């Protein structure tokens, strides 16, 4: 099971980026209405690796799975470092995934991405800064969703 999750995560995160603004709009149409400035940010975040790295709050807080003593897994808080970051893209068939977004006020957007056919995915949190720029402030790698 862990191999399957690792393989999925690898595919999900490491494919070359071919995202277009039209794809970002398609994602939004299946979720809550989000501000246009976030859509513009989201598109560029997934197309431009330098822009992505500059729009992540380093060190990035989040969590990941770790092997438990009973043979299962458990969640563990983690700090993601820029040197170890794998650039995230949207180079996959968006129709096979559910993008669940929750806008909390005007400054925080929580996004969960999961395949339609499975009960696991990632969570990302984006915050609008005082200068108007959006930043990724939290990343939870692939996990079972409840």
N, C-alpha and C. Protein backbone atom coordinates (compact mmCIF):
# COMPACT_ATOMS: atom_id res chain seq x y z
N UNK A 1 0.82 -1.19 0.00
CA UNK A 1 0.00 0.00 0.00
C UNK A 1 0.87 1.26 0.00
N UNK A 2 1.92 1.25 0.82
CA UNK A 2 2.82 2.40 0.88
C UNK A 2 3.50 2.62 -0.46
N UNK A 3 3.85 1.53 -1.17
CA UNK A 3 4.45 1.67 -2.49
C UNK A 3 3.48 2.35 -3.45
N UNK A 4 2.20 1.93 -3.41
CA UNK A 4 1.18 2.53 -4.28
C UNK A 4 1.04 4.03 -4.01
N UNK A 5 1.00 4.40 -2.72
CA UNK A 5 0.89 5.81 -2.37
C UNK A 5 2.10 6.59 -2.83
N UNK A 6 3.28 6.03 -2.65
CA UNK A 6 4.51 6.70 -3.08
C UNK A 6 4.54 6.85 -4.59
N UNK A 7 4.13 5.82 -5.30
CA UNK A 7 4.11 5.89 -6.76
C UNK A 7 3.13 6.95 -7.23
N UNK A 8 1.95 6.97 -6.62
CA UNK A 8 0.96 7.98 -6.99
C UNK A 8 1.49 9.38 -6.73
N UNK A 9 2.08 9.59 -5.56
CA UNK A 9 2.61 10.91 -5.22
C UNK A 9 3.69 11.33 -6.22
N UNK A 10 4.54 10.39 -6.58
CA UNK A 10 5.59 10.70 -7.54
C UNK A 10 5.00 11.13 -8.87
N UNK A 11 4.05 10.37 -9.36
CA UNK A 11 3.39 10.75 -10.60
C UNK A 11 2.70 12.09 -10.48
N UNK A 12 2.03 12.27 -9.38
CA UNK A 12 1.23 13.48 -9.15
C UNK A 12 2.09 14.73 -9.13
N UNK A 13 3.27 14.66 -8.52
CA UNK A 13 4.07 15.84 -8.30
C UNK A 13 5.18 16.10 -9.31
N UNK A 14 5.64 15.05 -10.00
CA UNK A 14 6.87 15.22 -10.74
C UNK A 14 6.72 15.29 -12.26
N UNK A 15 5.53 15.24 -12.76
CA UNK A 15 5.34 15.34 -14.20
C UNK A 15 5.67 16.75 -14.68
N UNK A 16 6.08 16.86 -15.90
CA UNK A 16 6.40 18.18 -16.46
C UNK A 16 5.14 19.03 -16.54
N UNK A 17 5.32 20.32 -16.36
CA UNK A 17 4.17 21.23 -16.28
C UNK A 17 3.71 21.65 -17.66
N UNK A 18 2.43 21.43 -17.96
CA UNK A 18 1.82 21.88 -19.21
C UNK A 18 0.51 22.58 -18.91
N UNK A 19 0.36 23.12 -17.72
CA UNK A 19 -0.88 23.75 -17.29
C UNK A 19 -1.15 25.03 -18.08
N UNK A 20 -2.41 25.30 -18.35
CA UNK A 20 -2.80 26.55 -18.98
C UNK A 20 -3.81 27.23 -18.10
N UNK A 21 -4.05 28.51 -18.37
CA UNK A 21 -5.04 29.25 -17.58
C UNK A 21 -6.41 28.62 -17.72
N UNK A 22 -6.72 28.08 -18.89
CA UNK A 22 -8.00 27.42 -19.11
C UNK A 22 -8.17 26.25 -18.14
N UNK A 23 -7.10 25.48 -17.91
CA UNK A 23 -7.18 24.36 -16.98
C UNK A 23 -7.43 24.86 -15.57
N UNK A 24 -6.79 25.96 -15.17
CA UNK A 24 -7.01 26.52 -13.84
C UNK A 24 -8.47 26.95 -13.69
N UNK A 25 -9.06 27.54 -14.72
CA UNK A 25 -10.47 27.92 -14.67
C UNK A 25 -11.34 26.69 -14.57
N UNK A 26 -10.99 25.60 -15.27
CA UNK A 26 -11.77 24.37 -15.23
C UNK A 26 -11.80 23.82 -13.80
N UNK A 27 -10.67 23.88 -13.11
CA UNK A 27 -10.61 23.43 -11.73
C UNK A 27 -11.57 24.26 -10.89
N UNK A 28 -11.56 25.56 -11.07
CA UNK A 28 -12.39 26.44 -10.27
C UNK A 28 -13.87 26.20 -10.50
N UNK A 29 -14.27 25.85 -11.71
CA UNK A 29 -15.67 25.65 -12.01
C UNK A 29 -16.27 24.49 -11.23
N UNK A 30 -15.45 23.59 -10.75
CA UNK A 30 -15.96 22.45 -10.00
C UNK A 30 -15.91 22.68 -8.49
N UNK A 31 -15.53 23.86 -8.07
CA UNK A 31 -15.37 24.15 -6.65
C UNK A 31 -16.00 25.49 -6.32
N UNK A 32 -15.74 26.00 -5.12
CA UNK A 32 -16.27 27.29 -4.72
C UNK A 32 -15.67 28.40 -5.57
N UNK A 33 -16.36 29.50 -5.63
CA UNK A 33 -15.85 30.67 -6.38
C UNK A 33 -14.67 31.26 -5.63
N UNK A 34 -13.56 31.41 -6.33
CA UNK A 34 -12.37 32.00 -5.72
C UNK A 34 -12.02 33.28 -6.46
N UNK A 35 -11.31 34.18 -5.81
CA UNK A 35 -10.97 35.46 -6.44
C UNK A 35 -10.09 35.28 -7.69
N UNK A 36 -10.25 36.17 -8.64
CA UNK A 36 -9.47 36.11 -9.87
C UNK A 36 -7.98 36.22 -9.59
N UNK A 37 -7.59 37.02 -8.62
CA UNK A 37 -6.15 37.15 -8.33
C UNK A 37 -5.57 35.82 -7.85
N UNK A 38 -6.39 35.01 -7.15
CA UNK A 38 -5.90 33.69 -6.76
C UNK A 38 -5.75 32.79 -7.99
N UNK A 39 -6.71 32.84 -8.91
CA UNK A 39 -6.62 32.03 -10.14
C UNK A 39 -5.37 32.37 -10.94
N UNK A 40 -5.07 33.65 -11.05
CA UNK A 40 -3.87 34.08 -11.77
C UNK A 40 -2.62 33.56 -11.06
N UNK A 41 -2.60 33.70 -9.74
CA UNK A 41 -1.49 33.17 -8.93
C UNK A 41 -1.36 31.66 -9.12
N UNK A 42 -2.47 30.94 -9.02
CA UNK A 42 -2.50 29.48 -9.09
C UNK A 42 -1.94 28.98 -10.43
N UNK A 43 -2.34 29.64 -11.49
CA UNK A 43 -1.84 29.28 -12.82
C UNK A 43 -0.32 29.46 -12.90
N UNK A 44 0.16 30.62 -12.48
CA UNK A 44 1.60 30.89 -12.54
C UNK A 44 2.38 30.01 -11.58
N UNK A 45 1.81 29.73 -10.42
CA UNK A 45 2.45 28.89 -9.40
C UNK A 45 2.78 27.51 -9.98
N UNK A 46 1.90 26.98 -10.83
CA UNK A 46 2.11 25.64 -11.39
C UNK A 46 2.86 25.64 -12.72
N UNK A 47 3.07 26.79 -13.33
CA UNK A 47 3.80 26.89 -14.60
C UNK A 47 5.25 27.30 -14.43
N UNK A 48 5.55 28.07 -13.40
CA UNK A 48 6.86 28.71 -13.26
C UNK A 48 7.51 28.27 -11.95
N UNK A 49 8.54 27.45 -12.05
CA UNK A 49 9.16 26.89 -10.84
C UNK A 49 9.81 27.96 -9.97
N UNK A 50 10.44 28.97 -10.57
CA UNK A 50 11.05 30.04 -9.77
C UNK A 50 9.97 30.82 -9.02
N UNK A 51 8.87 31.07 -9.69
CA UNK A 51 7.74 31.77 -9.06
C UNK A 51 7.19 30.92 -7.90
N UNK A 52 7.08 29.62 -8.14
CA UNK A 52 6.58 28.73 -7.09
C UNK A 52 7.47 28.80 -5.86
N UNK A 53 8.76 28.67 -6.05
CA UNK A 53 9.69 28.69 -4.92
C UNK A 53 9.65 30.02 -4.18
N UNK A 54 9.42 31.11 -4.90
CA UNK A 54 9.36 32.44 -4.29
C UNK A 54 8.03 32.68 -3.56
N UNK A 55 7.03 31.84 -3.84
CA UNK A 55 5.71 32.02 -3.24
C UNK A 55 5.35 30.88 -2.28
N UNK A 56 6.37 30.38 -1.61
CA UNK A 56 6.20 29.40 -0.55
C UNK A 56 6.84 29.98 0.70
N UNK A 57 6.13 29.89 1.80
CA UNK A 57 6.62 30.42 3.07
C UNK A 57 7.61 29.40 3.66
N UNK A 58 8.92 29.65 3.46
CA UNK A 58 9.97 28.74 3.93
C UNK A 58 10.37 29.09 5.35
N UNK A 59 10.67 28.13 6.18
CA UNK A 59 10.40 26.70 5.98
C UNK A 59 8.89 26.45 6.05
N UNK A 60 8.43 25.56 5.18
CA UNK A 60 7.00 25.30 5.01
C UNK A 60 6.53 24.26 6.01
N UNK A 61 5.49 24.59 6.76
CA UNK A 61 4.94 23.64 7.71
C UNK A 61 4.01 22.67 7.00
N UNK A 62 3.86 21.48 7.57
CA UNK A 62 2.96 20.49 7.01
C UNK A 62 3.04 19.20 7.78
N UNK A 63 2.63 18.13 7.11
CA UNK A 63 2.75 16.81 7.72
C UNK A 63 2.94 15.75 6.65
N UNK A 64 3.30 14.57 7.13
CA UNK A 64 3.58 13.44 6.25
C UNK A 64 3.31 12.17 7.02
N UNK A 65 3.30 11.05 6.34
CA UNK A 65 3.16 9.76 7.00
C UNK A 65 4.52 9.26 7.44
N UNK A 66 4.52 8.54 8.56
CA UNK A 66 5.72 7.82 8.98
C UNK A 66 5.29 6.42 9.41
N UNK A 67 6.20 5.51 9.32
CA UNK A 67 5.92 4.12 9.68
C UNK A 67 5.69 4.01 11.18
N UNK A 68 4.59 3.39 11.57
CA UNK A 68 4.29 3.18 12.98
C UNK A 68 4.84 1.83 13.43
N UNK A 69 5.01 1.65 14.71
CA UNK A 69 5.56 0.41 15.25
C UNK A 69 4.67 -0.80 14.95
N UNK A 70 3.37 -0.57 14.84
CA UNK A 70 2.44 -1.69 14.58
C UNK A 70 2.38 -2.07 13.10
N UNK A 71 3.22 -1.47 12.29
CA UNK A 71 3.25 -1.80 10.86
C UNK A 71 2.42 -0.87 10.01
N UNK A 72 1.58 -0.07 10.60
CA UNK A 72 0.76 0.90 9.88
C UNK A 72 1.52 2.21 9.71
N UNK A 73 0.79 3.25 9.49
CA UNK A 73 1.39 4.57 9.38
C UNK A 73 0.68 5.54 10.31
N UNK A 74 1.35 6.62 10.63
CA UNK A 74 0.75 7.69 11.42
C UNK A 74 1.25 9.02 10.86
N UNK A 75 0.46 10.06 11.11
CA UNK A 75 0.81 11.40 10.64
C UNK A 75 1.88 11.99 11.54
N UNK A 76 2.77 12.73 10.94
CA UNK A 76 3.86 13.36 11.67
C UNK A 76 4.03 14.77 11.13
N UNK A 77 4.13 15.74 12.02
CA UNK A 77 4.41 17.11 11.60
C UNK A 77 5.79 17.15 10.97
N UNK A 78 5.91 17.98 9.94
CA UNK A 78 7.18 18.08 9.24
C UNK A 78 7.38 19.52 8.79
N UNK A 79 8.62 19.89 8.64
CA UNK A 79 8.99 21.18 8.08
C UNK A 79 9.63 20.90 6.72
N UNK A 80 8.99 21.37 5.66
CA UNK A 80 9.52 21.17 4.30
C UNK A 80 10.55 22.27 4.03
N UNK A 81 11.72 21.88 3.54
CA UNK A 81 12.79 22.83 3.23
C UNK A 81 12.89 23.03 1.72
N UNK A 82 13.29 24.21 1.31
CA UNK A 82 13.36 24.53 -0.10
C UNK A 82 14.30 23.58 -0.85
N UNK A 83 15.39 23.20 -0.23
CA UNK A 83 16.37 22.32 -0.90
C UNK A 83 15.78 20.95 -1.24
N UNK A 84 14.77 20.52 -0.50
CA UNK A 84 14.17 19.20 -0.71
C UNK A 84 12.83 19.25 -1.44
N UNK A 85 12.37 20.44 -1.80
CA UNK A 85 11.05 20.61 -2.40
C UNK A 85 11.00 20.06 -3.82
N UNK A 86 9.94 19.36 -4.13
CA UNK A 86 9.68 18.89 -5.49
C UNK A 86 8.64 19.81 -6.11
N UNK A 87 8.97 20.41 -7.22
CA UNK A 87 8.07 21.36 -7.88
C UNK A 87 6.74 20.68 -8.18
N UNK A 88 5.64 21.36 -7.87
CA UNK A 88 4.31 20.81 -8.07
C UNK A 88 3.73 21.36 -9.37
N UNK A 89 3.08 20.49 -10.11
CA UNK A 89 2.48 20.85 -11.39
C UNK A 89 1.05 20.33 -11.45
N UNK A 90 0.36 20.72 -12.48
CA UNK A 90 -0.99 20.19 -12.72
C UNK A 90 -1.02 19.47 -14.06
N UNK A 91 0.01 18.73 -14.37
CA UNK A 91 0.11 18.02 -15.64
C UNK A 91 -0.48 16.62 -15.51
N UNK A 92 -1.78 16.56 -15.30
CA UNK A 92 -2.51 15.31 -15.24
C UNK A 92 -3.93 15.61 -15.68
N UNK A 93 -4.71 14.59 -15.93
CA UNK A 93 -6.09 14.80 -16.39
C UNK A 93 -6.93 15.32 -15.23
N UNK A 94 -7.25 16.60 -15.28
CA UNK A 94 -7.99 17.23 -14.19
C UNK A 94 -9.37 16.63 -14.00
N UNK A 95 -9.93 16.01 -15.02
CA UNK A 95 -11.25 15.39 -14.91
C UNK A 95 -11.25 14.15 -14.02
N UNK A 96 -10.07 13.60 -13.73
CA UNK A 96 -9.97 12.41 -12.88
C UNK A 96 -9.82 12.76 -11.40
N UNK A 97 -9.83 14.05 -11.07
CA UNK A 97 -9.57 14.49 -9.70
C UNK A 97 -10.66 15.42 -9.19
N UNK A 98 -10.80 15.45 -7.89
CA UNK A 98 -11.70 16.37 -7.22
C UNK A 98 -10.83 17.43 -6.54
N UNK A 99 -11.14 18.69 -6.82
CA UNK A 99 -10.45 19.81 -6.19
C UNK A 99 -11.44 20.45 -5.24
N UNK A 100 -11.27 20.19 -3.96
CA UNK A 100 -12.18 20.71 -2.95
C UNK A 100 -11.52 21.93 -2.32
N UNK A 101 -12.12 23.10 -2.51
CA UNK A 101 -11.56 24.34 -1.99
C UNK A 101 -12.53 24.98 -1.00
N UNK A 102 -11.94 25.54 0.05
CA UNK A 102 -12.71 26.30 1.03
C UNK A 102 -12.01 27.63 1.22
N UNK A 103 -12.72 28.70 0.98
CA UNK A 103 -12.21 30.04 1.19
C UNK A 103 -12.62 30.48 2.58
N UNK A 104 -11.65 30.75 3.42
CA UNK A 104 -11.91 31.19 4.79
C UNK A 104 -11.63 32.68 4.84
N UNK A 105 -12.69 33.46 4.78
CA UNK A 105 -12.53 34.91 4.67
C UNK A 105 -12.00 35.23 3.29
N UNK A 106 -11.24 36.30 3.20
CA UNK A 106 -10.65 36.69 1.91
C UNK A 106 -9.16 36.41 1.87
N UNK A 107 -8.62 35.86 2.97
CA UNK A 107 -7.18 35.74 3.08
C UNK A 107 -6.63 34.32 3.13
N UNK A 108 -7.48 33.32 3.28
CA UNK A 108 -7.00 31.94 3.41
C UNK A 108 -7.83 31.01 2.55
N UNK A 109 -7.15 30.19 1.75
CA UNK A 109 -7.81 29.21 0.91
C UNK A 109 -7.21 27.84 1.21
N UNK A 110 -8.07 26.88 1.55
CA UNK A 110 -7.64 25.50 1.82
C UNK A 110 -8.08 24.66 0.64
N UNK A 111 -7.16 23.87 0.10
CA UNK A 111 -7.44 23.03 -1.07
C UNK A 111 -7.05 21.59 -0.77
N UNK A 112 -7.97 20.67 -1.09
CA UNK A 112 -7.68 19.24 -1.02
C UNK A 112 -7.85 18.70 -2.43
N UNK A 113 -6.84 18.00 -2.93
CA UNK A 113 -6.88 17.38 -4.25
C UNK A 113 -6.83 15.88 -4.07
N UNK A 114 -7.82 15.18 -4.66
CA UNK A 114 -7.84 13.72 -4.55
C UNK A 114 -8.37 13.12 -5.84
N UNK A 115 -7.95 11.90 -6.16
CA UNK A 115 -8.51 11.22 -7.32
C UNK A 115 -9.98 10.88 -7.05
N UNK A 116 -10.80 10.92 -8.08
CA UNK A 116 -12.21 10.59 -7.92
C UNK A 116 -12.39 9.15 -7.46
N UNK A 117 -11.49 8.26 -7.86
CA UNK A 117 -11.64 6.83 -7.60
C UNK A 117 -10.96 6.36 -6.32
N UNK A 118 -10.48 7.28 -5.48
CA UNK A 118 -9.77 6.85 -4.29
C UNK A 118 -10.06 7.80 -3.13
N UNK A 119 -9.67 7.38 -1.95
CA UNK A 119 -9.92 8.18 -0.76
C UNK A 119 -8.61 8.66 -0.15
N UNK A 120 -7.71 9.17 -0.97
CA UNK A 120 -6.49 9.75 -0.48
C UNK A 120 -6.16 10.97 -1.34
N UNK A 121 -5.36 11.87 -0.80
CA UNK A 121 -5.01 13.08 -1.53
C UNK A 121 -4.07 13.94 -0.73
N UNK A 122 -3.90 15.18 -1.23
CA UNK A 122 -3.03 16.14 -0.56
C UNK A 122 -3.85 17.33 -0.10
N UNK A 123 -3.32 18.06 0.86
CA UNK A 123 -3.94 19.30 1.31
C UNK A 123 -2.91 20.41 1.23
N UNK A 124 -3.35 21.55 0.68
CA UNK A 124 -2.49 22.73 0.63
C UNK A 124 -3.28 23.92 1.17
N UNK A 125 -2.56 24.82 1.84
CA UNK A 125 -3.19 26.04 2.35
C UNK A 125 -2.43 27.23 1.79
N UNK A 126 -3.19 28.17 1.25
CA UNK A 126 -2.62 29.38 0.66
C UNK A 126 -3.15 30.58 1.42
N UNK A 127 -2.29 31.56 1.68
CA UNK A 127 -2.70 32.77 2.38
C UNK A 127 -2.31 34.00 1.57
N UNK A 128 -3.20 34.97 1.57
CA UNK A 128 -2.93 36.24 0.92
C UNK A 128 -2.16 37.11 1.89
N UNK A 129 -1.02 37.61 1.45
CA UNK A 129 -0.15 38.42 2.30
C UNK A 129 -0.60 39.87 2.30
N UNK A 130 -0.04 40.67 3.19
CA UNK A 130 -0.41 42.08 3.30
C UNK A 130 -0.08 42.87 2.04
N UNK A 131 0.89 42.37 1.24
CA UNK A 131 1.23 43.05 -0.02
C UNK A 131 0.34 42.59 -1.18
N UNK A 132 -0.65 41.71 -0.90
CA UNK A 132 -1.57 41.25 -1.93
C UNK A 132 -1.14 39.97 -2.63
N UNK A 133 0.06 39.48 -2.35
CA UNK A 133 0.57 38.26 -2.98
C UNK A 133 0.07 37.03 -2.22
N UNK A 134 -0.24 35.97 -2.97
CA UNK A 134 -0.61 34.69 -2.37
C UNK A 134 0.64 33.87 -2.12
N UNK A 135 0.63 33.10 -1.02
CA UNK A 135 1.75 32.22 -0.67
C UNK A 135 1.21 30.87 -0.23
N UNK A 136 1.95 29.81 -0.55
CA UNK A 136 1.66 28.49 0.02
C UNK A 136 2.23 28.50 1.43
N UNK A 137 1.36 28.22 2.43
CA UNK A 137 1.81 28.30 3.82
C UNK A 137 1.77 26.96 4.54
N UNK A 138 1.19 25.91 3.88
CA UNK A 138 1.07 24.60 4.53
C UNK A 138 0.92 23.55 3.43
N UNK A 139 1.61 22.42 3.61
CA UNK A 139 1.50 21.32 2.65
C UNK A 139 1.46 19.99 3.39
N UNK A 140 0.40 19.25 3.17
CA UNK A 140 0.25 17.90 3.72
C UNK A 140 0.33 16.92 2.56
N UNK A 141 1.36 16.08 2.56
CA UNK A 141 1.49 15.17 1.43
C UNK A 141 0.43 14.10 1.46
N UNK A 142 0.51 13.19 0.54
CA UNK A 142 -0.55 12.20 0.30
C UNK A 142 -0.91 11.45 1.57
N UNK A 143 -2.21 11.38 1.79
CA UNK A 143 -2.72 10.71 3.00
C UNK A 143 -4.11 10.22 2.74
N UNK A 144 -4.55 9.30 3.58
CA UNK A 144 -5.93 8.85 3.49
C UNK A 144 -6.84 9.96 4.02
N UNK A 145 -7.91 10.23 3.27
CA UNK A 145 -8.85 11.26 3.67
C UNK A 145 -10.04 10.64 4.35
N UNK A 146 -10.56 11.29 5.35
CA UNK A 146 -11.70 10.75 6.10
C UNK A 146 -12.95 11.49 5.76
